[in-house]
PDB file of N, CA and C in Angstrom:
ATOM      1  N   UNK A   1       1.069  -0.924   0.210  1.00  0.00           N
ATOM      2  CA  UNK A   1      -0.048  -0.102   0.116  1.00  0.00           C
ATOM      3  C   UNK A   1       0.982   1.422   0.141  1.00  0.00           C
ATOM      4  N   UNK A   2       0.425   1.851  -1.100  1.00  0.00           N
ATOM      5  CA  UNK A   2       1.447   3.713  -1.109  1.00  0.00           C
ATOM      6  C   UNK A   2       0.422   4.589  -0.606  1.00  0.00           C
ATOM      7  N   UNK A   3       0.579   5.635   0.269  1.00  0.00           N
ATOM      8  CA  UNK A   3      -0.239   6.871   0.576  1.00  0.00           C
ATOM      9  C   UNK A   3       0.604   7.941   0.330  1.00  0.00           C
ATOM     10  N   UNK A   4       0.312   8.964   0.700  1.00  0.00           N
ATOM     11  CA  UNK A   4       1.378  10.573   0.603  1.00  0.00           C
ATOM     12  C   UNK A   4       2.496  10.306   1.218  1.00  0.00           C
ATOM     13  N   UNK A   5       2.490   9.819   2.651  1.00  0.00           N
ATOM     14  CA  UNK A   5       3.296   9.745   2.959  1.00  0.00           C
ATOM     15  C   UNK A   5       4.655   8.675   3.059  1.00  0.00           C
ATOM     16  N   UNK A   6       4.531   7.384   2.542  1.00  0.00           N
ATOM     17  CA  UNK A   6       4.780   6.532   1.836  1.00  0.00           C
ATOM     18  C   UNK A   6       6.254   7.495   1.337  1.00  0.00           C
ATOM     19  N   UNK A   7       6.499   7.931   0.507  1.00  0.00           N
ATOM     20  CA  UNK A   7       7.724   8.902   0.151  1.00  0.00           C
ATOM     21  C   UNK A   7       8.651   9.447   1.196  1.00  0.00           C
ATOM     22  N   UNK A   8       8.116   9.903   2.104  1.00  0.00           N
ATOM     23  CA  UNK A   8       9.086   9.870   3.007  1.00  0.00           C
ATOM     24  C   UNK A   8       9.985   8.880   3.696  1.00  0.00           C
ATOM     25  N   UNK A   9       8.980   8.132   4.054  1.00  0.00           N
ATOM     26  CA  UNK A   9       9.600   6.361   4.530  1.00  0.00           C
ATOM     27  C   UNK A   9      10.455   6.160   3.772  1.00  0.00           C
ATOM     28  N   UNK A  10      10.338   5.755   1.817  1.00  0.00           N
ATOM     29  CA  UNK A  10      11.352   5.724   1.514  1.00  0.00           C
ATOM     30  C   UNK A  10      12.587   6.410   1.354  1.00  0.00           C
ATOM     31  N   UNK A  11      12.514   7.608   1.320  1.00  0.00           N
ATOM     32  CA  UNK A  11      13.418   8.836   1.693  1.00  0.00           C
ATOM     33  C   UNK A  11      14.432   8.555   2.772  1.00  0.00           C
ATOM     34  N   UNK A  12      13.582   7.710   3.791  1.00  0.00           N
ATOM     35  CA  UNK A  12      14.839   7.918   5.087  1.00  0.00           C
ATOM     36  C   UNK A  12      15.262   6.425   4.317  1.00  0.00           C
ATOM     37  N   UNK A  13      14.363   5.463   4.233  1.00  0.00           N
ATOM     38  CA  UNK A  13      15.510   4.206   3.768  1.00  0.00           C
ATOM     39  C   UNK A  13      16.207   4.888   2.966  1.00  0.00           C
ATOM     40  N   UNK A  14      16.009   5.137   2.018  1.00  0.00           N
ATOM     41  CA  UNK A  14      17.277   5.710   0.715  1.00  0.00           C
ATOM     42  C   UNK A  14      18.454   6.142   1.609  1.00  0.00           C
ATOM     43  N   UNK A  15      18.502   7.364   2.199  1.00  0.00           N
ATOM     44  CA  UNK A  15      19.502   8.053   2.968  1.00  0.00           C
ATOM     45  C   UNK A  15      20.272   6.789   4.010  1.00  0.00           C
ATOM     46  N   UNK A  16      19.441   6.166   4.636  1.00  0.00           N
ATOM     47  CA  UNK A  16      20.338   4.865   5.235  1.00  0.00           C
ATOM     48  C   UNK A  16      20.599   3.782   4.238  1.00  0.00           C
ATOM     49  N   UNK A  17      19.965   3.344   3.150  1.00  0.00           N
ATOM     50  CA  UNK A  17      20.652   2.114   3.012  1.00  0.00           C
ATOM     51  C   UNK A  17      20.819   2.170   2.072  1.00  0.00           C
ATOM     52  N   UNK A  18      20.365   3.345   0.592  1.00  0.00           N
ATOM     53  CA  UNK A  18      21.138   3.257  -0.563  1.00  0.00           C
ATOM     54  C   UNK A  18      19.995   2.239  -1.225  1.00  0.00           C
ATOM     55  N   UNK A  19      21.199   1.462  -1.993  1.00  0.00           N
ATOM     56  CA  UNK A  19      20.111   0.686  -2.782  1.00  0.00           C
ATOM     57  C   UNK A  19      19.691  -0.787  -2.455  1.00  0.00           C
ATOM     58  N   UNK A  20      19.530  -0.879  -1.356  1.00  0.00           N
ATOM     59  CA  UNK A  20      19.143  -1.599  -0.605  1.00  0.00           C
ATOM     60  C   UNK A  20      17.248  -1.483   0.052  1.00  0.00           C
ATOM     61  N   UNK A  21      17.229  -0.472  -0.224  1.00  0.00           N
ATOM     62  CA  UNK A  21      16.125   0.776   0.709  1.00  0.00           C
ATOM     63  C   UNK A  21      14.726   0.056   0.031  1.00  0.00           C
ATOM     64  N   UNK A  22      14.746  -0.165  -1.118  1.00  0.00           N
ATOM     65  CA  UNK A  22      13.572  -0.906  -1.802  1.00  0.00           C
ATOM     66  C   UNK A  22      12.982  -2.003  -1.149  1.00  0.00           C
ATOM     67  N   UNK A  23      14.302  -2.702  -1.190  1.00  0.00           N
ATOM     68  CA  UNK A  23      14.437  -4.243  -0.604  1.00  0.00           C
ATOM     69  C   UNK A  23      13.638  -4.570   0.812  1.00  0.00           C
ATOM     70  N   UNK A  24      14.298  -3.678   1.484  1.00  0.00           N
ATOM     71  CA  UNK A  24      13.775  -3.757   2.808  1.00  0.00           C
ATOM     72  C   UNK A  24      12.507  -2.934   3.107  1.00  0.00           C
ATOM     73  N   UNK A  25      12.441  -1.987   2.287  1.00  0.00           N
ATOM     74  CA  UNK A  25      10.521  -1.361   2.727  1.00  0.00           C
ATOM     75  C   UNK A  25       9.730  -2.947   2.068  1.00  0.00           C
ATOM     76  N   UNK A  26       9.950  -3.540   1.283  1.00  0.00           N
ATOM     77  CA  UNK A  26       8.922  -4.649   0.782  1.00  0.00           C
ATOM     78  C   UNK A  26       9.570  -5.782   1.446  1.00  0.00           C
ATOM     79  N   UNK A  27      10.070  -5.920   2.666  1.00  0.00           N
ATOM     80  CA  UNK A  27      10.546  -7.163   3.047  1.00  0.00           C
ATOM     81  C   UNK A  27      10.540  -7.036   4.619  1.00  0.00           C
ATOM     82  N   UNK A  28      10.323  -5.902   5.252  1.00  0.00           N
ATOM     83  CA  UNK A  28      10.437  -5.316   6.719  1.00  0.00           C
ATOM     84  C   UNK A  28       9.241  -5.726   7.057  1.00  0.00           C
ATOM     85  N   UNK A  29       8.338  -6.716   7.936  1.00  0.00           N
ATOM     86  CA  UNK A  29       7.495  -6.145   8.709  1.00  0.00           C
ATOM     87  C   UNK A  29       6.962  -5.017   9.384  1.00  0.00           C
ATOM     88  N   UNK A  30       8.089  -4.513  10.022  1.00  0.00           N
ATOM     89  CA  UNK A  30       8.246  -3.545  10.878  1.00  0.00           C
ATOM     90  C   UNK A  30       7.959  -2.122   9.924  1.00  0.00           C
ATOM     91  N   UNK A  31       8.413  -1.845   9.196  1.00  0.00           N
ATOM     92  CA  UNK A  31       8.343  -0.770   8.302  1.00  0.00           C
ATOM     93  C   UNK A  31       6.806  -0.826   7.234  1.00  0.00           C
ATOM     94  N   UNK A  32       6.856  -2.182   7.267  1.00  0.00           N
ATOM     95  CA  UNK A  32       5.194  -2.284   6.496  1.00  0.00           C
ATOM     96  C   UNK A  32       4.051  -1.565   7.321  1.00  0.00           C
ATOM     97  N   UNK A  33       4.238  -1.948   9.311  1.00  0.00           N
ATOM     98  CA  UNK A  33       3.491  -1.831   9.796  1.00  0.00           C
ATOM     99  C   UNK A  33       3.535  -0.236   9.984  1.00  0.00           C
ATOM    100  N   UNK A  34       5.090   0.677   9.960  1.00  0.00           N
ATOM    101  CA  UNK A  34       4.892   1.489  10.004  1.00  0.00           C
ATOM    102  C   UNK A  34       4.278   2.497   8.808  1.00  0.00           C
ATOM    103  N   UNK A  35       4.162   2.183   7.842  1.00  0.00           N
ATOM    104  CA  UNK A  35       3.794   2.740   6.529  1.00  0.00           C
ATOM    105  C   UNK A  35       2.119   2.438   6.616  1.00  0.00           C
ATOM    106  N   UNK A  36       1.310   1.369   7.051  1.00  0.00           N
ATOM    107  CA  UNK A  36       0.060   1.523   7.393  1.00  0.00           C
ATOM    108  C   UNK A  36      -0.171   2.157   8.496  1.00  0.00           C
ATOM    109  N   UNK A  37       1.012   2.095   9.367  1.00  0.00           N
ATOM    110  CA  UNK A  37      -0.041   3.349  10.546  1.00  0.00           C
ATOM    111  C   UNK A  37       0.128   4.578   9.956  1.00  0.00           C
ATOM    112  N   UNK A  38       0.728   5.122   9.168  1.00  0.00           N
ATOM    113  CA  UNK A  38       1.082   6.349   8.530  1.00  0.00           C
ATOM    114  C   UNK A  38       0.246   6.494   7.745  1.00  0.00           C
ATOM    115  N   UNK A  39      -0.407   6.074   7.173  1.00  0.00           N
ATOM    116  CA  UNK A  39      -1.309   6.785   6.190  1.00  0.00           C
ATOM    117  C   UNK A  39      -2.112   7.767   6.311  1.00  0.00           C
ATOM    118  N   UNK A  40      -2.347   8.332   7.721  1.00  0.00           N
ATOM    119  CA  UNK A  40      -3.367   9.494   7.219  1.00  0.00           C
ATOM    120  C   UNK A  40      -2.296  10.543   8.204  1.00  0.00           C
ATOM    121  N   UNK A  41      -0.875  10.608   7.723  1.00  0.00           N
ATOM    122  CA  UNK A  41      -0.085  11.247   8.829  1.00  0.00           C
ATOM    123  C   UNK A  41      -0.523  12.736   8.475  1.00  0.00           C
ATOM    124  N   UNK A  42      -0.586  12.628   6.817  1.00  0.00           N
ATOM    125  CA  UNK A  42      -0.401  14.226   6.199  1.00  0.00           C
ATOM    126  C   UNK A  42      -1.930  14.781   6.045  1.00  0.00           C
ATOM    127  N   UNK A  43      -2.862  14.486   6.824  1.00  0.00           N
ATOM    128  CA  UNK A  43      -4.712  14.694   6.572  1.00  0.00           C
ATOM    129  C   UNK A  43      -4.847  15.471   7.165  1.00  0.00           C
ATOM    130  N   UNK A  44      -3.939  15.516   8.524  1.00  0.00           N
ATOM    131  CA  UNK A  44      -4.798  16.447   9.509  1.00  0.00           C
ATOM    132  C   UNK A  44      -4.884  16.257  10.892  1.00  0.00           C
ATOM    133  N   UNK A  45      -5.140  16.863  11.970  1.00  0.00           N
ATOM    134  CA  UNK A  45      -5.400  16.214  13.206  1.00  0.00           C
ATOM    135  C   UNK A  45      -6.406  15.457  13.228  1.00  0.00           C
ATOM    136  N   UNK A  46      -7.421  16.018  12.745  1.00  0.00           N
ATOM    137  CA  UNK A  46      -8.710  15.551  12.793  1.00  0.00           C
ATOM    138  C   UNK A  46      -8.566  13.496  12.102  1.00  0.00           C
ATOM    139  N   UNK A  47      -8.212  13.844  11.311  1.00  0.00           N
ATOM    140  CA  UNK A  47      -8.107  12.510  10.092  1.00  0.00           C
ATOM    141  C   UNK A  47      -6.984  11.479  10.664  1.00  0.00           C
ATOM    142  N   UNK A  48      -6.424  11.921  11.252  1.00  0.00           N
ATOM    143  CA  UNK A  48      -5.069  10.997  12.116  1.00  0.00           C
ATOM    144  C   UNK A  48      -5.673  10.162  12.844  1.00  0.00           C
ATOM    145  N   UNK A  49      -4.989   8.507  12.877  1.00  0.00           N
ATOM    146  CA  UNK A  49      -5.231   7.600  13.738  1.00  0.00           C
ATOM    147  C   UNK A  49      -4.665   7.418  15.007  1.00  0.00           C
ATOM    148  N   UNK A  50      -4.718   6.592  15.513  1.00  0.00           N
ATOM    149  CA  UNK A  50      -3.925   6.607  16.984  1.00  0.00           C
ATOM    150  C   UNK A  50      -2.514   6.645  16.734  1.00  0.00           C
ATOM    151  N   UNK A  51      -1.656   7.384  17.453  1.00  0.00           N
ATOM    152  CA  UNK A  51      -0.289   6.938  16.756  1.00  0.00           C
ATOM    153  C   UNK A  51       0.235   6.695  18.321  1.00  0.00           C
ATOM    154  N   UNK A  52       0.033   5.924  18.785  1.00  0.00           N
ATOM    155  CA  UNK A  52       0.356   5.856  20.354  1.00  0.00           C
ATOM    156  C   UNK A  52       1.226   4.198  19.938  1.00  0.00           C
ATOM    157  N   UNK A  53       0.868   3.597  19.232  1.00  0.00           N
ATOM    158  CA  UNK A  53       1.548   1.868  18.958  1.00  0.00           C
ATOM    159  C   UNK A  53       3.197   2.953  18.243  1.00  0.00           C
ATOM    160  N   UNK A  54       3.534   3.562  17.585  1.00  0.00           N
ATOM    161  CA  UNK A  54       4.387   4.298  16.702  1.00  0.00           C
ATOM    162  C   UNK A  54       5.144   4.990  17.846  1.00  0.00           C
ATOM    163  N   UNK A  55       4.676   5.892  18.927  1.00  0.00           N
ATOM    164  CA  UNK A  55       5.403   6.576  19.693  1.00  0.00           C
ATOM    165  C   UNK A  55       6.213   4.931  20.691  1.00  0.00           C
ATOM    166  N   UNK A  56       5.162   4.120  20.946  1.00  0.00           N
ATOM    167  CA  UNK A  56       6.067   3.168  21.751  1.00  0.00           C
ATOM    168  C   UNK A  56       6.681   2.398  21.074  1.00  0.00           C
ATOM    169  N   UNK A  57       6.951   2.153  19.745  1.00  0.00           N
ATOM    170  CA  UNK A  57       8.085   1.457  19.025  1.00  0.00           C
ATOM    171  C   UNK A  57       9.176   2.527  19.155  1.00  0.00           C
ATOM    172  N   UNK A  58       8.782   3.703  18.719  1.00  0.00           N
ATOM    173  CA  UNK A  58       9.834   4.459  18.760  1.00  0.00           C
ATOM    174  C   UNK A  58      10.767   4.372  19.860  1.00  0.00           C
ATOM    175  N   UNK A  59      10.179   4.650  21.607  1.00  0.00           N
ATOM    176  CA  UNK A  59      11.304   4.369  22.694  1.00  0.00           C
ATOM    177  C   UNK A  59      11.642   3.445  23.310  1.00  0.00           C
ATOM    178  N   UNK A  60      10.969   2.096  22.519  1.00  0.00           N
ATOM    179  CA  UNK A  60      11.883   0.738  22.523  1.00  0.00           C
ATOM    180  C   UNK A  60      12.717   0.912  22.149  1.00  0.00           C
ATOM    181  N   UNK A  61      12.643   1.126  20.562  1.00  0.00           N
ATOM    182  CA  UNK A  61      13.948   1.202  19.669  1.00  0.00           C
ATOM    183  C   UNK A  61      14.882   1.786  19.898  1.00  0.00           C
ATOM    184  N   UNK A  62      14.634   3.349  20.880  1.00  0.00           N
ATOM    185  CA  UNK A  62      15.547   4.439  21.400  1.00  0.00           C
ATOM    186  C   UNK A  62      16.213   3.589  22.509  1.00  0.00           C
ATOM    187  N   UNK A  63      15.902   2.769  23.372  1.00  0.00           N
ATOM    188  CA  UNK A  63      16.312   2.364  24.300  1.00  0.00           C
ATOM    189  C   UNK A  63      17.416   1.185  24.085  1.00  0.00           C
ATOM    190  N   UNK A  64      16.586   0.480  22.860  1.00  0.00           N
ATOM    191  CA  UNK A  64      17.662  -0.486  22.482  1.00  0.00           C
ATOM    192  C   UNK A  64      18.947  -0.159  21.784  1.00  0.00           C
ATOM    193  N   UNK A  65      19.024   1.144  21.067  1.00  0.00           N
ATOM    194  CA  UNK A  65      19.893   1.623  20.728  1.00  0.00           C
ATOM    195  C   UNK A  65      20.896   2.270  21.099  1.00  0.00           C
ATOM    196  N   UNK A  66      20.205   3.072  22.566  1.00  0.00           N
ATOM    197  CA  UNK A  66      20.968   3.612  23.707  1.00  0.00           C
ATOM    198  C   UNK A  66      21.818   2.527  24.848  1.00  0.00           C
ATOM    199  N   UNK A  67      20.958   1.352  24.549  1.00  0.00           N
ATOM    200  CA  UNK A  67      22.079   0.338  25.409  1.00  0.00           C
ATOM    201  C   UNK A  67      23.009  -0.116  24.787  1.00  0.00           C
ATOM    202  N   UNK A  68      23.189  -0.058  23.135  1.00  0.00           N
ATOM    203  CA  UNK A  68      24.171  -0.542  22.274  1.00  0.00           C
ATOM    204  C   UNK A  68      23.683  -1.873  21.783  1.00  0.00           C
ATOM    205  N   UNK A  69      22.502  -2.811  22.127  1.00  0.00           N
ATOM    206  CA  UNK A  69      22.423  -4.042  21.521  1.00  0.00           C
ATOM    207  C   UNK A  69      22.044  -4.075  20.067  1.00  0.00           C
ATOM    208  N   UNK A  70      22.338  -3.111  19.572  1.00  0.00           N
ATOM    209  CA  UNK A  70      22.416  -3.607  17.820  1.00  0.00           C
ATOM    210  C   UNK A  70      23.950  -3.697  17.388  1.00  0.00           C
ATOM    211  N   UNK A  71      25.290  -3.689  18.551  1.00  0.00           N
ATOM    212  CA  UNK A  71      26.285  -4.019  18.452  1.00  0.00           C
ATOM    213  C   UNK A  71      26.774  -4.859  18.443  1.00  0.00           C
ATOM    214  N   UNK A  72      25.767  -6.022  19.580  1.00  0.00           N
ATOM    215  CA  UNK A  72      26.754  -7.082  20.088  1.00  0.00           C
ATOM    216  C   UNK A  72      24.911  -7.816  20.430  1.00  0.00           C
ATOM    217  N   UNK A  73      25.451  -8.974  20.888  1.00  0.00           N
ATOM    218  CA  UNK A  73      24.788 -10.095  20.618  1.00  0.00           C
ATOM    219  C   UNK A  73      23.497 -10.351  22.155  1.00  0.00           C
ATOM    220  N   UNK A  74      23.786  -9.181  22.753  1.00  0.00           N
ATOM    221  CA  UNK A  74      23.772  -9.442  24.346  1.00  0.00           C
ATOM    222  C   UNK A  74      22.282  -9.223  24.726  1.00  0.00           C
ATOM    223  N   UNK A  75      21.381  -8.741  23.624  1.00  0.00           N
ATOM    224  CA  UNK A  75      19.845  -8.350  23.972  1.00  0.00           C
ATOM    225  C   UNK A  75      19.248  -9.766  24.448  1.00  0.00           C
ATOM    226  N   UNK A  76      19.447 -11.106  24.161  1.00  0.00           N
ATOM    227  CA  UNK A  76      18.557 -11.904  24.739  1.00  0.00           C
ATOM    228  C   UNK A  76      19.049 -11.843  26.501  1.00  0.00           C
ATOM    229  N   UNK A  77      20.187 -11.528  26.657  1.00  0.00           N
ATOM    230  CA  UNK A  77      19.946 -11.678  27.998  1.00  0.00           C
ATOM    231  C   UNK A  77      19.263 -10.445  28.881  1.00  0.00           C
ATOM    232  N   UNK A  78      18.792  -9.269  28.007  1.00  0.00           N
ATOM    233  CA  UNK A  78      17.997  -8.129  28.291  1.00  0.00           C
ATOM    234  C   UNK A  78      16.819  -8.442  29.543  1.00  0.00           C
ATOM    235  N   UNK A  79      16.675  -7.450  30.505  1.00  0.00           N
ATOM    236  CA  UNK A  79      15.696  -8.197  31.343  1.00  0.00           C
ATOM    237  C   UNK A  79      14.354  -7.105  30.911  1.00  0.00           C
ATOM    238  N   UNK A  80      14.936  -5.940  30.194  1.00  0.00           N
ATOM    239  CA  UNK A  80      13.980  -5.014  29.625  1.00  0.00           C
ATOM    240  C   UNK A  80      13.962  -3.679  29.958  1.00  0.00           C
ATOM    241  N   UNK A  81      13.277  -2.775  29.521  1.00  0.00           N
ATOM    242  CA  UNK A  81      13.579  -1.766  29.701  1.00  0.00           C
ATOM    243  C   UNK A  81      12.665  -1.260  31.077  1.00  0.00           C
ATOM    244  N   UNK A  82      12.593  -0.624  31.731  1.00  0.00           N
ATOM    245  CA  UNK A  82      11.491  -0.282  32.954  1.00  0.00           C
ATOM    246  C   UNK A  82      10.493   0.379  32.284  1.00  0.00           C
ATOM    247  N   UNK A  83       9.512   0.131  32.758  1.00  0.00           N
ATOM    248  CA  UNK A  83       8.011   0.927  31.949  1.00  0.00           C
ATOM    249  C   UNK A  83       7.832   2.363  32.317  1.00  0.00           C
ATOM    250  N   UNK A  84       8.371   2.313  33.459  1.00  0.00           N
ATOM    251  CA  UNK A  84       8.397   4.432  33.979  1.00  0.00           C
ATOM    252  C   UNK A  84       9.363   5.111  32.672  1.00  0.00           C
ATOM    253  N   UNK A  85      10.552   4.263  32.700  1.00  0.00           N
ATOM    254  CA  UNK A  85      11.637   5.186  32.160  1.00  0.00           C
ATOM    255  C   UNK A  85      10.716   5.590  30.482  1.00  0.00           C
ATOM    256  N   UNK A  86      10.103   4.382  29.581  1.00  0.00           N
ATOM    257  CA  UNK A  86       9.885   4.247  28.717  1.00  0.00           C
ATOM    258  C   UNK A  86       8.377   5.103  28.524  1.00  0.00           C
ATOM    259  N   UNK A  87       7.621   5.208  29.214  1.00  0.00           N
ATOM    260  CA  UNK A  87       6.421   6.036  29.291  1.00  0.00           C
ATOM    261  C   UNK A  87       6.893   7.560  29.477  1.00  0.00           C
ATOM    262  N   UNK A  88       7.946   7.893  30.243  1.00  0.00           N
ATOM    263  CA  UNK A  88       7.934   9.040  30.552  1.00  0.00           C
ATOM    264  C   UNK A  88       8.798   9.505  29.141  1.00  0.00           C
ATOM    265  N   UNK A  89       9.227   9.095  28.666  1.00  0.00           N
ATOM    266  CA  UNK A  89      10.056   8.679  27.751  1.00  0.00           C
ATOM    267  C   UNK A  89       8.966   9.594  26.312  1.00  0.00           C
ATOM    268  N   UNK A  90       8.167   8.739  26.226  1.00  0.00           N
ATOM    269  CA  UNK A  90       7.309   8.326  25.648  1.00  0.00           C
ATOM    270  C   UNK A  90       6.276  10.146  25.624  1.00  0.00           C
ATOM    271  N   UNK A  91       5.894  10.422  26.684  1.00  0.00           N
ATOM    272  CA  UNK A  91       5.573  11.759  27.065  1.00  0.00           C
ATOM    273  C   UNK A  91       6.560  12.893  26.702  1.00  0.00           C
ATOM    274  N   UNK A  92       7.702  12.823  26.973  1.00  0.00           N
ATOM    275  CA  UNK A  92       8.338  13.786  26.535  1.00  0.00           C
ATOM    276  C   UNK A  92       8.330  14.016  24.780  1.00  0.00           C
ATOM    277  N   UNK A  93       7.682  13.460  24.120  1.00  0.00           N
ATOM    278  CA  UNK A  93       8.586  13.523  22.603  1.00  0.00           C
ATOM    279  C   UNK A  93       6.988  14.474  21.890  1.00  0.00           C
ATOM    280  N   UNK A  94       7.172  15.010  20.694  1.00  0.00           N
ATOM    281  CA  UNK A  94       6.510  15.760  20.354  1.00  0.00           C
ATOM    282  C   UNK A  94       4.814  15.696  20.147  1.00  0.00           C
ATOM    283  N   UNK A  95       4.064  16.219  20.938  1.00  0.00           N
ATOM    284  CA  UNK A  95       2.849  15.758  20.869  1.00  0.00           C
ATOM    285  C   UNK A  95       2.306  14.280  21.579  1.00  0.00           C
ATOM    286  N   UNK A  96       3.467  13.810  22.489  1.00  0.00           N
ATOM    287  CA  UNK A  96       3.299  12.705  23.044  1.00  0.00           C
ATOM    288  C   UNK A  96       2.822  12.867  25.037  1.00  0.00           C
ATOM    289  N   UNK A  97       2.580  14.431  25.024  1.00  0.00           N
ATOM    290  CA  UNK A  97       2.260  14.404  26.524  1.00  0.00           C
ATOM    291  C   UNK A  97       0.854  13.758  26.402  1.00  0.00           C
ATOM    292  N   UNK A  98       0.117  13.868  26.095  1.00  0.00           N
ATOM    293  CA  UNK A  98      -1.283  13.473  26.394  1.00  0.00           C
ATOM    294  C   UNK A  98      -1.330  11.958  26.154  1.00  0.00           C
ATOM    295  N   UNK A  99      -0.537  11.161  25.676  1.00  0.00           N
ATOM    296  CA  UNK A  99      -0.254   9.520  25.479  1.00  0.00           C
ATOM    297  C   UNK A  99      -0.911   8.768  27.019  1.00  0.00           C
ATOM    298  N   UNK A 100      -1.741   7.950  26.416  1.00  0.00           N
ATOM    299  CA  UNK A 100      -1.728   7.031  28.130  1.00  0.00           C
ATOM    300  C   UNK A 100      -1.062   5.943  28.018  1.00  0.00           C
ATOM    301  N   UNK A 101      -0.840   4.852  28.627  1.00  0.00           N
ATOM    302  CA  UNK A 101       0.201   4.154  28.708  1.00  0.00           C
ATOM    303  C   UNK A 101      -0.201   2.342  28.004  1.00  0.00           C
ATOM    304  N   UNK A 102      -1.452   2.839  27.311  1.00  0.00           N
ATOM    305  CA  UNK A 102      -1.779   1.485  26.572  1.00  0.00           C
ATOM    306  C   UNK A 102      -1.234   0.575  25.687  1.00  0.00           C
ATOM    307  N   UNK A 103      -0.303   1.665  24.371  1.00  0.00           N
ATOM    308  CA  UNK A 103       0.384   1.133  23.862  1.00  0.00           C
ATOM    309  C   UNK A 103       1.964   0.097  23.909  1.00  0.00           C
ATOM    310  N   UNK A 104       2.029   0.628  25.441  1.00  0.00           N
ATOM    311  CA  UNK A 104       3.540   0.041  26.337  1.00  0.00           C
ATOM    312  C   UNK A 104       3.225  -1.288  26.928  1.00  0.00           C
ATOM    313  N   UNK A 105       1.718  -1.053  27.532  1.00  0.00           N
ATOM    314  CA  UNK A 105       1.429  -2.381  28.687  1.00  0.00           C
ATOM    315  C   UNK A 105       1.647  -3.773  27.742  1.00  0.00           C
ATOM    316  N   UNK A 106       2.004  -4.631  28.317  1.00  0.00           N
ATOM    317  CA  UNK A 106       2.433  -5.869  28.208  1.00  0.00           C
ATOM    318  C   UNK A 106       0.854  -6.814  28.100  1.00  0.00           C
ATOM    319  N   UNK A 107       0.705  -6.845  26.774  1.00  0.00           N
ATOM    320  CA  UNK A 107      -0.781  -7.724  27.199  1.00  0.00           C
ATOM    321  C   UNK A 107      -0.634  -9.791  26.806  1.00  0.00           C
ATOM    322  N   UNK A 108       0.020 -10.276  27.581  1.00  0.00           N
ATOM    323  CA  UNK A 108       0.290 -11.678  27.263  1.00  0.00           C
ATOM    324  C   UNK A 108      -0.767 -12.476  27.703  1.00  0.00           C
TER     325      UNK A 108
END
């Protein structure tokens, strides 16, 4: 599925992955999810779907990178990030001040 915000995603992938960007766009379930969730991003605040899951993904990935797990194989031993830390960070992001905790809840 392509929509107006898809071009933004593809530009970012191109900047980071060059000739592999199209392959990554087509074969990454996470990128496909982000593309799907951002389909209303350019339509104004009344048309936007709930972006809380995008904020949750962002703060979890930010924690992952901050702890250097992309550089070593230690992530399997990680006990997990503190909920309060992730939730606080999520609310610090632009437009995140009114987010609730639902997207970060563990629903096992």
